[in-house]
Amino acid sequence: MNLKFYTKVDCPLCEKAKVRLQELQSEMDFTIEEVDIYQDDALLEKYQIMIPVVELDGEMLGYGIINKEEIRKRLLEKNR
């Protein structure tokens, strides 16, 4: 599984979310593709006030304050 992690520079919420995702990686097999929304105008417009955003296969799993348990639950559902 490859998670897309939409983020930006100097984002404290993004840093906290990244730590939570890395903690989950020790339990589950997935990769994290970090995407800076400032590198793409369409992404900037789409996610500007929502970041961080975690997506899997185009489906948003969480945004803003990322809840590790919710992401774990959604990943387990997707992995069935």
N, C-alpha and C. Protein backbone atom coordinates (compact mmCIF):
# COMPACT_ATOMS: atom_id res chain seq x y z
N MET A 1 0.84 -1.18 0.00
CA MET A 1 0.00 0.00 0.00
C MET A 1 0.89 1.24 0.00
N ASN A 2 0.43 2.25 -0.71
CA ASN A 2 1.16 3.50 -0.78
C ASN A 2 0.24 4.65 -0.36
N LEU A 3 0.53 5.23 0.79
CA LEU A 3 -0.25 6.37 1.27
C LEU A 3 0.32 7.65 0.68
N LYS A 4 -0.57 8.54 0.26
CA LYS A 4 -0.14 9.89 -0.13
C LYS A 4 -0.35 10.77 1.09
N PHE A 5 0.68 11.52 1.42
CA PHE A 5 0.65 12.41 2.57
C PHE A 5 0.88 13.82 2.07
N TYR A 6 -0.22 14.60 1.97
CA TYR A 6 -0.14 15.96 1.47
C TYR A 6 0.23 16.89 2.63
N THR A 7 1.25 17.69 2.41
CA THR A 7 1.84 18.49 3.49
C THR A 7 2.39 19.78 2.93
N LYS A 8 2.98 20.58 3.81
CA LYS A 8 3.72 21.79 3.39
C LYS A 8 4.83 22.03 4.40
N VAL A 9 5.76 22.88 4.04
CA VAL A 9 6.89 23.23 4.91
C VAL A 9 6.37 24.05 6.09
N ASP A 10 7.03 23.91 7.24
CA ASP A 10 6.68 24.66 8.45
C ASP A 10 5.23 24.46 8.87
N CYS A 11 4.82 23.21 8.96
CA CYS A 11 3.45 22.85 9.34
C CYS A 11 3.51 21.93 10.57
N PRO A 12 3.30 22.46 11.77
CA PRO A 12 3.37 21.63 12.98
C PRO A 12 2.40 20.45 12.98
N LEU A 13 1.19 20.65 12.46
CA LEU A 13 0.23 19.53 12.37
C LEU A 13 0.76 18.43 11.45
N CYS A 14 1.43 18.84 10.38
CA CYS A 14 1.99 17.88 9.43
C CYS A 14 3.09 17.05 10.11
N GLU A 15 3.92 17.70 10.91
CA GLU A 15 5.00 16.98 11.60
C GLU A 15 4.42 15.95 12.57
N LYS A 16 3.38 16.34 13.32
CA LYS A 16 2.74 15.40 14.25
C LYS A 16 2.12 14.23 13.49
N ALA A 17 1.46 14.53 12.37
CA ALA A 17 0.84 13.49 11.57
C ALA A 17 1.88 12.53 11.01
N LYS A 18 3.00 13.06 10.57
CA LYS A 18 4.06 12.22 10.01
C LYS A 18 4.57 11.24 11.06
N VAL A 19 4.74 11.69 12.30
CA VAL A 19 5.18 10.82 13.38
C VAL A 19 4.15 9.70 13.60
N ARG A 20 2.87 10.05 13.60
CA ARG A 20 1.82 9.04 13.78
C ARG A 20 1.84 8.01 12.66
N LEU A 21 2.02 8.46 11.44
CA LEU A 21 2.07 7.54 10.30
C LEU A 21 3.30 6.64 10.40
N GLN A 22 4.43 7.20 10.80
CA GLN A 22 5.64 6.39 10.94
C GLN A 22 5.48 5.36 12.05
N GLU A 23 4.77 5.71 13.13
CA GLU A 23 4.48 4.73 14.18
C GLU A 23 3.64 3.59 13.63
N LEU A 24 2.66 3.91 12.80
CA LEU A 24 1.82 2.88 12.19
C LEU A 24 2.62 1.99 11.25
N GLN A 25 3.63 2.56 10.60
CA GLN A 25 4.46 1.77 9.68
C GLN A 25 5.17 0.64 10.40
N SER A 26 5.43 0.79 11.69
CA SER A 26 6.10 -0.28 12.43
C SER A 26 5.15 -1.46 12.66
N GLU A 27 3.84 -1.22 12.49
CA GLU A 27 2.84 -2.28 12.69
C GLU A 27 2.29 -2.81 11.37
N MET A 28 2.26 -1.97 10.35
CA MET A 28 1.61 -2.32 9.09
C MET A 28 2.56 -2.04 7.93
N ASP A 29 2.31 -2.74 6.82
CA ASP A 29 3.18 -2.60 5.66
C ASP A 29 2.60 -1.60 4.67
N PHE A 30 3.14 -0.39 4.67
CA PHE A 30 2.76 0.62 3.68
C PHE A 30 3.90 1.62 3.53
N THR A 31 3.87 2.32 2.41
CA THR A 31 4.85 3.37 2.17
C THR A 31 4.14 4.72 2.28
N ILE A 32 4.93 5.74 2.55
CA ILE A 32 4.39 7.10 2.64
C ILE A 32 5.03 7.94 1.55
N GLU A 33 4.21 8.45 0.66
CA GLU A 33 4.68 9.36 -0.39
C GLU A 33 4.31 10.77 0.04
N GLU A 34 5.31 11.54 0.43
CA GLU A 34 5.07 12.90 0.91
C GLU A 34 4.96 13.84 -0.28
N VAL A 35 3.89 14.64 -0.33
CA VAL A 35 3.66 15.55 -1.44
C VAL A 35 3.49 16.96 -0.88
N ASP A 36 4.37 17.88 -1.30
CA ASP A 36 4.29 19.28 -0.89
C ASP A 36 3.25 19.98 -1.76
N ILE A 37 2.17 20.45 -1.14
CA ILE A 37 1.08 21.05 -1.93
C ILE A 37 1.52 22.34 -2.61
N TYR A 38 2.60 22.96 -2.14
CA TYR A 38 3.08 24.20 -2.77
C TYR A 38 3.81 23.94 -4.09
N GLN A 39 4.00 22.68 -4.44
CA GLN A 39 4.65 22.34 -5.71
C GLN A 39 3.63 22.17 -6.84
N ASP A 40 2.33 22.26 -6.51
CA ASP A 40 1.28 22.02 -7.51
C ASP A 40 0.10 22.94 -7.19
N ASP A 41 -0.19 23.87 -8.09
CA ASP A 41 -1.27 24.84 -7.84
C ASP A 41 -2.62 24.17 -7.60
N ALA A 42 -2.90 23.08 -8.31
CA ALA A 42 -4.18 22.38 -8.12
C ALA A 42 -4.27 21.78 -6.72
N LEU A 43 -3.17 21.20 -6.26
CA LEU A 43 -3.16 20.63 -4.90
C LEU A 43 -3.26 21.73 -3.86
N LEU A 44 -2.59 22.84 -4.10
CA LEU A 44 -2.64 23.97 -3.18
C LEU A 44 -4.09 24.46 -3.04
N GLU A 45 -4.76 24.60 -4.15
CA GLU A 45 -6.15 25.05 -4.13
C GLU A 45 -7.06 24.03 -3.43
N LYS A 46 -6.81 22.75 -3.69
CA LYS A 46 -7.65 21.68 -3.15
C LYS A 46 -7.47 21.50 -1.64
N TYR A 47 -6.22 21.55 -1.16
CA TYR A 47 -5.93 21.17 0.22
C TYR A 47 -5.44 22.29 1.14
N GLN A 48 -5.41 23.51 0.67
CA GLN A 48 -4.76 24.60 1.40
C GLN A 48 -5.12 24.65 2.89
N ILE A 49 -6.40 24.60 3.24
CA ILE A 49 -6.77 24.72 4.65
C ILE A 49 -7.01 23.37 5.31
N MET A 50 -6.79 22.30 4.58
CA MET A 50 -7.07 20.97 5.12
C MET A 50 -5.83 20.22 5.61
N ILE A 51 -4.66 20.61 5.14
CA ILE A 51 -3.48 19.80 5.40
C ILE A 51 -3.18 19.66 6.89
N PRO A 52 -2.56 18.57 7.27
CA PRO A 52 -2.14 17.45 6.42
C PRO A 52 -3.33 16.60 5.97
N VAL A 53 -3.15 15.95 4.83
CA VAL A 53 -4.17 15.05 4.29
C VAL A 53 -3.51 13.71 4.01
N VAL A 54 -4.18 12.62 4.40
CA VAL A 54 -3.69 11.27 4.14
C VAL A 54 -4.68 10.61 3.18
N GLU A 55 -4.17 10.09 2.07
CA GLU A 55 -5.00 9.45 1.04
C GLU A 55 -4.47 8.07 0.71
N LEU A 56 -5.37 7.17 0.38
CA LEU A 56 -5.01 5.86 -0.14
C LEU A 56 -5.89 5.58 -1.34
N ASP A 57 -5.27 5.32 -2.48
CA ASP A 57 -6.00 5.04 -3.72
C ASP A 57 -7.04 6.12 -4.04
N GLY A 58 -6.67 7.38 -3.81
CA GLY A 58 -7.58 8.48 -4.13
C GLY A 58 -8.65 8.74 -3.09
N GLU A 59 -8.71 7.93 -2.05
CA GLU A 59 -9.71 8.12 -0.99
C GLU A 59 -9.06 8.77 0.23
N MET A 60 -9.66 9.85 0.71
CA MET A 60 -9.13 10.55 1.87
C MET A 60 -9.38 9.72 3.14
N LEU A 61 -8.30 9.42 3.86
CA LEU A 61 -8.41 8.66 5.10
C LEU A 61 -8.46 9.57 6.32
N GLY A 62 -7.94 10.77 6.18
CA GLY A 62 -7.94 11.72 7.28
C GLY A 62 -7.30 13.03 6.86
N TYR A 63 -7.63 14.08 7.60
CA TYR A 63 -7.01 15.39 7.35
C TYR A 63 -7.03 16.21 8.63
N GLY A 64 -6.22 17.26 8.64
CA GLY A 64 -6.14 18.11 9.83
C GLY A 64 -5.41 17.39 10.95
N ILE A 65 -6.08 17.21 12.07
CA ILE A 65 -5.49 16.46 13.17
C ILE A 65 -5.66 14.97 12.86
N ILE A 66 -4.56 14.30 12.55
CA ILE A 66 -4.60 12.91 12.12
C ILE A 66 -4.69 12.00 13.34
N ASN A 67 -5.73 11.16 13.34
CA ASN A 67 -5.97 10.21 14.42
C ASN A 67 -5.38 8.86 14.01
N LYS A 68 -4.37 8.42 14.73
CA LYS A 68 -3.66 7.18 14.37
C LYS A 68 -4.61 5.97 14.35
N GLU A 69 -5.50 5.88 15.34
CA GLU A 69 -6.41 4.74 15.42
C GLU A 69 -7.37 4.72 14.24
N GLU A 70 -7.84 5.90 13.82
CA GLU A 70 -8.75 5.98 12.68
C GLU A 70 -8.03 5.55 11.39
N ILE A 71 -6.80 6.00 11.22
CA ILE A 71 -6.03 5.61 10.03
C ILE A 71 -5.78 4.10 10.06
N ARG A 72 -5.43 3.54 11.22
CA ARG A 72 -5.22 2.09 11.34
C ARG A 72 -6.48 1.33 10.92
N LYS A 73 -7.61 1.77 11.44
CA LYS A 73 -8.89 1.12 11.13
C LYS A 73 -9.18 1.16 9.62
N ARG A 74 -8.98 2.33 9.02
CA ARG A 74 -9.25 2.48 7.58
C ARG A 74 -8.29 1.63 6.74
N LEU A 75 -7.02 1.56 7.16
CA LEU A 75 -6.05 0.73 6.43
C LEU A 75 -6.41 -0.75 6.53
N LEU A 76 -6.83 -1.18 7.70
CA LEU A 76 -7.24 -2.58 7.87
C LEU A 76 -8.44 -2.90 7.00
N GLU A 77 -9.38 -1.99 6.92
CA GLU A 77 -10.56 -2.19 6.05
C GLU A 77 -10.15 -2.31 4.58
N LYS A 78 -9.21 -1.47 4.16
CA LYS A 78 -8.75 -1.46 2.77
C LYS A 78 -7.93 -2.72 2.45
N ASN A 79 -7.31 -3.28 3.44
CA ASN A 79 -6.39 -4.40 3.24
C ASN A 79 -7.11 -5.76 3.21
N ARG A 80 -8.41 -5.77 3.41
CA ARG A 80 -9.17 -7.04 3.42
C ARG A 80 -9.33 -7.61 2.05
